[in-house]
Amino acid sequence: MVEIELADAVEAVRDELLAAAVRGAGSEIAFTVGPIELEFAVELKVDAKAKGGFKAWVVT
């Protein structure tokens, strides 16, 4: 299993939404982005380098 940090997963979704907006600029058909809800199952792991002492990893 590939480990993905929670912050990286959220950033990837944000980047994809921005990329979609750029690609659609000037198109005759436009979509409005409303509120977005994300649901992740996470696993917490102790990490001496993290400020809080742990990191959240996306499981699903």
N, C-alpha and C. Protein backbone atom coordinates (compact mmCIF):
# COMPACT_ATOMS: atom_id res chain seq x y z
N MET A 1 0.84 -1.18 0.00
CA MET A 1 0.00 0.00 0.00
C MET A 1 0.89 1.25 0.00
N VAL A 2 0.54 2.19 -0.82
CA VAL A 2 1.25 3.46 -0.89
C VAL A 2 0.68 4.37 0.20
N GLU A 3 1.56 4.97 0.99
CA GLU A 3 1.11 5.87 2.05
C GLU A 3 1.00 7.29 1.50
N ILE A 4 -0.13 7.92 1.74
CA ILE A 4 -0.37 9.29 1.31
C ILE A 4 -0.74 10.10 2.53
N GLU A 5 -0.01 11.19 2.78
CA GLU A 5 -0.35 12.05 3.91
C GLU A 5 -1.66 12.76 3.63
N LEU A 6 -2.43 12.97 4.68
CA LEU A 6 -3.73 13.63 4.56
C LEU A 6 -3.61 14.98 3.86
N ALA A 7 -2.63 15.77 4.24
CA ALA A 7 -2.45 17.10 3.62
C ALA A 7 -2.19 16.97 2.12
N ASP A 8 -1.43 15.95 1.73
CA ASP A 8 -1.14 15.74 0.30
C ASP A 8 -2.41 15.34 -0.46
N ALA A 9 -3.25 14.53 0.16
CA ALA A 9 -4.50 14.10 -0.49
C ALA A 9 -5.43 15.29 -0.71
N VAL A 10 -5.57 16.14 0.30
CA VAL A 10 -6.42 17.32 0.17
C VAL A 10 -5.84 18.28 -0.87
N GLU A 11 -4.53 18.46 -0.86
CA GLU A 11 -3.87 19.32 -1.83
C GLU A 11 -4.09 18.81 -3.26
N ALA A 12 -4.04 17.50 -3.45
CA ALA A 12 -4.23 16.92 -4.78
C ALA A 12 -5.65 17.20 -5.29
N VAL A 13 -6.64 17.07 -4.42
CA VAL A 13 -8.02 17.35 -4.82
C VAL A 13 -8.16 18.83 -5.18
N ARG A 14 -7.57 19.71 -4.37
CA ARG A 14 -7.62 21.15 -4.64
C ARG A 14 -6.96 21.45 -5.99
N ASP A 15 -5.80 20.87 -6.24
CA ASP A 15 -5.09 21.10 -7.50
C ASP A 15 -5.89 20.62 -8.70
N GLU A 16 -6.56 19.48 -8.55
CA GLU A 16 -7.37 18.96 -9.66
C GLU A 16 -8.55 19.88 -9.96
N LEU A 17 -9.18 20.42 -8.91
CA LEU A 17 -10.29 21.36 -9.12
C LEU A 17 -9.81 22.63 -9.82
N LEU A 18 -8.66 23.14 -9.41
CA LEU A 18 -8.11 24.33 -10.07
C LEU A 18 -7.75 24.04 -11.52
N ALA A 19 -7.17 22.88 -11.78
CA ALA A 19 -6.81 22.50 -13.16
C ALA A 19 -8.06 22.38 -14.02
N ALA A 20 -9.12 21.83 -13.47
CA ALA A 20 -10.37 21.70 -14.22
C ALA A 20 -10.94 23.08 -14.55
N ALA A 21 -10.84 24.01 -13.60
CA ALA A 21 -11.33 25.37 -13.84
C ALA A 21 -10.54 26.05 -14.96
N VAL A 22 -9.24 25.87 -14.95
CA VAL A 22 -8.38 26.47 -15.99
C VAL A 22 -8.70 25.86 -17.35
N ARG A 23 -8.85 24.55 -17.40
CA ARG A 23 -9.16 23.89 -18.68
C ARG A 23 -10.51 24.32 -19.23
N GLY A 24 -11.44 24.61 -18.34
CA GLY A 24 -12.79 24.98 -18.77
C GLY A 24 -12.97 26.45 -19.05
N ALA A 25 -11.96 27.27 -18.77
CA ALA A 25 -12.08 28.71 -18.98
C ALA A 25 -12.38 29.00 -20.45
N GLY A 26 -13.38 29.82 -20.67
CA GLY A 26 -13.74 30.19 -22.03
C GLY A 26 -14.65 29.20 -22.73
N SER A 27 -14.97 28.10 -22.07
CA SER A 27 -15.85 27.10 -22.67
C SER A 27 -17.30 27.58 -22.66
N GLU A 28 -18.08 27.10 -23.61
CA GLU A 28 -19.49 27.48 -23.65
C GLU A 28 -20.28 26.85 -22.50
N ILE A 29 -19.80 25.74 -22.01
CA ILE A 29 -20.47 25.07 -20.90
C ILE A 29 -19.63 25.29 -19.64
N ALA A 30 -20.27 25.79 -18.60
CA ALA A 30 -19.54 26.06 -17.36
C ALA A 30 -20.23 25.38 -16.19
N PHE A 31 -19.45 24.97 -15.23
CA PHE A 31 -19.96 24.36 -14.01
C PHE A 31 -19.55 25.24 -12.83
N THR A 32 -20.45 25.39 -11.90
CA THR A 32 -20.15 26.13 -10.69
C THR A 32 -19.78 25.14 -9.60
N VAL A 33 -18.68 25.41 -8.93
CA VAL A 33 -18.26 24.54 -7.84
C VAL A 33 -18.89 25.07 -6.55
N GLY A 34 -19.60 24.19 -5.90
CA GLY A 34 -20.23 24.54 -4.62
C GLY A 34 -19.42 23.95 -3.49
N PRO A 35 -20.05 23.85 -2.34
CA PRO A 35 -19.35 23.26 -1.19
C PRO A 35 -18.89 21.83 -1.51
N ILE A 36 -17.72 21.50 -1.04
CA ILE A 36 -17.15 20.19 -1.29
C ILE A 36 -16.90 19.50 0.03
N GLU A 37 -17.33 18.26 0.13
CA GLU A 37 -17.07 17.47 1.32
C GLU A 37 -16.20 16.29 0.94
N LEU A 38 -15.16 16.07 1.72
CA LEU A 38 -14.27 14.94 1.49
C LEU A 38 -14.35 14.03 2.71
N GLU A 39 -14.31 12.75 2.46
CA GLU A 39 -14.32 11.79 3.56
C GLU A 39 -13.14 10.86 3.38
N PHE A 40 -12.30 10.78 4.41
CA PHE A 40 -11.13 9.93 4.38
C PHE A 40 -11.13 9.02 5.59
N ALA A 41 -10.66 7.82 5.42
CA ALA A 41 -10.32 6.98 6.55
C ALA A 41 -8.83 7.19 6.75
N VAL A 42 -8.42 7.52 7.97
CA VAL A 42 -7.02 7.83 8.21
C VAL A 42 -6.43 6.91 9.27
N GLU A 43 -5.14 6.83 9.23
CA GLU A 43 -4.36 6.07 10.21
C GLU A 43 -3.36 7.04 10.81
N LEU A 44 -3.31 7.12 12.12
CA LEU A 44 -2.36 8.01 12.77
C LEU A 44 -1.11 7.22 13.12
N LYS A 45 0.04 7.82 12.82
CA LYS A 45 1.32 7.19 13.12
C LYS A 45 2.18 8.18 13.89
N VAL A 46 2.89 7.69 14.87
CA VAL A 46 3.82 8.52 15.62
C VAL A 46 4.93 8.96 14.70
N ASP A 47 5.25 10.25 14.76
CA ASP A 47 6.32 10.80 13.92
C ASP A 47 7.06 11.86 14.72
N ALA A 48 8.27 11.59 15.06
CA ALA A 48 9.08 12.51 15.87
C ALA A 48 9.31 13.83 15.16
N LYS A 49 9.23 13.86 13.83
CA LYS A 49 9.47 15.08 13.06
C LYS A 49 8.23 15.97 13.01
N ALA A 50 7.04 15.41 13.22
CA ALA A 50 5.81 16.19 13.16
C ALA A 50 5.67 17.04 14.42
N LYS A 51 5.13 18.24 14.27
CA LYS A 51 5.00 19.15 15.41
C LYS A 51 4.16 18.54 16.53
N GLY A 52 3.07 17.89 16.18
CA GLY A 52 2.19 17.30 17.18
C GLY A 52 2.62 15.91 17.58
N GLY A 53 3.66 15.40 16.97
CA GLY A 53 4.15 14.07 17.32
C GLY A 53 3.52 12.95 16.52
N PHE A 54 2.61 13.27 15.58
CA PHE A 54 2.01 12.23 14.75
C PHE A 54 1.65 12.82 13.39
N LYS A 55 1.40 11.94 12.44
CA LYS A 55 0.93 12.34 11.11
C LYS A 55 -0.28 11.49 10.78
N ALA A 56 -1.17 12.06 9.97
CA ALA A 56 -2.36 11.33 9.52
C ALA A 56 -2.10 10.85 8.09
N TRP A 57 -2.31 9.56 7.89
CA TRP A 57 -2.12 8.95 6.57
C TRP A 57 -3.47 8.48 6.06
N VAL A 58 -3.75 8.73 4.78
CA VAL A 58 -5.01 8.30 4.19
C VAL A 58 -4.97 6.81 3.95
N VAL A 59 -6.00 6.13 4.45
CA VAL A 59 -6.12 4.69 4.23
C VAL A 59 -7.07 4.45 3.05
N THR A 60 -8.21 5.12 3.06
CA THR A 60 -9.15 5.03 1.94
C THR A 60 -9.75 6.39 1.71
